[in-house]
């Protein structure tokens, strides 16, 4: 939630999107798991949740902050600054 509010120009839209996704998952997830458990069994239904959590973990590095090109470059004394 706090990461969504980092950009002051678009904070309201981003925070509302994150909150909406959270509420939808909170309200739709348990009945969906219950329906799936009724069809295929509880263990298999919870395996679906495990797969979704693993996919979220694999996708999480894409949410990191990108390096800024205007950030100062650290150099050792006597070295020429190198942008990279």
Protein backbone atom coordinates (compact mmCIF):
# COMPACT_ATOMS: atom_id res chain seq x y z
CA UNK A 1 0.00 0.00 0.00
CA UNK A 2 2.79 2.42 0.86
CA UNK A 3 4.65 1.59 -2.35
CA UNK A 4 1.52 2.47 -4.32
CA UNK A 5 1.49 5.92 -2.71
CA UNK A 6 5.11 6.80 -3.55
CA UNK A 7 4.25 8.94 -6.56
CA UNK A 8 2.23 11.97 -5.34
CA UNK A 9 0.78 12.63 -8.78
CA UNK A 10 -0.84 9.19 -9.09
CA UNK A 11 -1.05 8.07 -5.45
CA UNK A 12 -4.85 8.14 -5.18
CA UNK A 13 -5.41 5.99 -8.25
CA UNK A 14 -2.71 3.51 -7.28
CA UNK A 15 -3.85 3.15 -3.67
CA UNK A 16 -7.46 2.66 -4.77
CA UNK A 17 -6.38 -0.04 -7.25
CA UNK A 18 -4.39 -1.88 -4.56
CA UNK A 19 -7.28 -1.62 -2.10
CA UNK A 20 -9.77 -2.88 -4.69
CA UNK A 21 -7.60 -5.89 -5.53
CA UNK A 22 -7.23 -6.67 -1.82
CA UNK A 23 -10.95 -6.45 -1.10
CA UNK A 24 -11.87 -8.55 -4.15
CA UNK A 25 -9.40 -11.24 -3.11
CA UNK A 26 -10.71 -11.12 0.48
CA UNK A 27 -14.36 -11.44 -0.59
CA UNK A 28 -14.10 -13.77 -3.60
CA UNK A 29 -11.19 -16.01 -2.53
CA UNK A 30 -12.76 -18.07 0.27
CA UNK A 31 -15.99 -18.94 -1.60
CA UNK A 32 -13.95 -19.78 -4.69
CA UNK A 33 -11.69 -22.08 -2.68
CA UNK A 34 -14.78 -23.68 -1.11
CA UNK A 35 -16.37 -24.28 -4.51
CA UNK A 36 -13.12 -25.72 -5.85
CA UNK A 37 -12.74 -27.93 -2.75
CA UNK A 38 -16.27 -29.24 -3.29
CA UNK A 39 -15.37 -30.19 -6.86
CA UNK A 40 -11.84 -31.63 -6.50
CA UNK A 41 -11.14 -31.91 -2.77
CA UNK A 42 -9.66 -29.59 -0.18
CA UNK A 43 -6.04 -30.61 -0.64
CA UNK A 44 -6.09 -29.96 -4.37
CA UNK A 45 -7.94 -26.67 -3.86
CA UNK A 46 -5.27 -25.51 -1.43
CA UNK A 47 -2.58 -26.60 -3.91
CA UNK A 48 -4.09 -24.05 -6.31
CA UNK A 49 -3.55 -21.41 -3.63
CA UNK A 50 0.05 -22.60 -3.22
CA UNK A 51 0.67 -22.27 -6.96
CA UNK A 52 -0.77 -18.74 -6.97
CA UNK A 53 1.41 -17.73 -4.02
CA UNK A 54 4.48 -19.17 -5.79
CA UNK A 55 3.64 -17.22 -8.96
CA UNK A 56 3.26 -14.03 -6.92
CA UNK A 57 6.66 -14.67 -5.36
CA UNK A 58 8.24 -15.16 -8.78
CA UNK A 59 6.64 -11.96 -10.07
CA UNK A 60 7.59 -9.85 -7.05
CA UNK A 61 11.03 -8.72 -8.34
CA UNK A 62 9.25 -6.78 -11.09
CA UNK A 63 7.83 -4.47 -8.41
CA UNK A 64 11.23 -3.20 -7.28
CA UNK A 65 12.22 0.39 -7.89
CA UNK A 66 14.17 0.96 -11.08
CA UNK A 67 17.49 2.80 -10.79
CA UNK A 68 17.25 6.48 -11.61
CA UNK A 69 19.44 7.77 -14.41
CA UNK A 70 19.85 11.19 -12.76
CA UNK A 71 21.19 9.72 -9.51
CA UNK A 72 24.74 10.71 -8.62
CA UNK A 73 27.39 8.15 -9.46
CA UNK A 74 29.78 7.16 -6.70
CA UNK A 75 33.43 7.26 -7.69
CA UNK A 76 36.73 6.76 -5.98
CA UNK A 77 39.00 9.80 -5.64
CA UNK A 78 40.92 10.28 -8.88
CA UNK A 79 38.54 8.17 -10.99
CA UNK A 80 36.58 9.62 -13.88
CA UNK A 81 32.79 9.35 -13.33
CA UNK A 82 31.26 6.52 -15.30
CA UNK A 83 27.54 6.34 -16.02
CA UNK A 84 26.23 2.88 -16.43
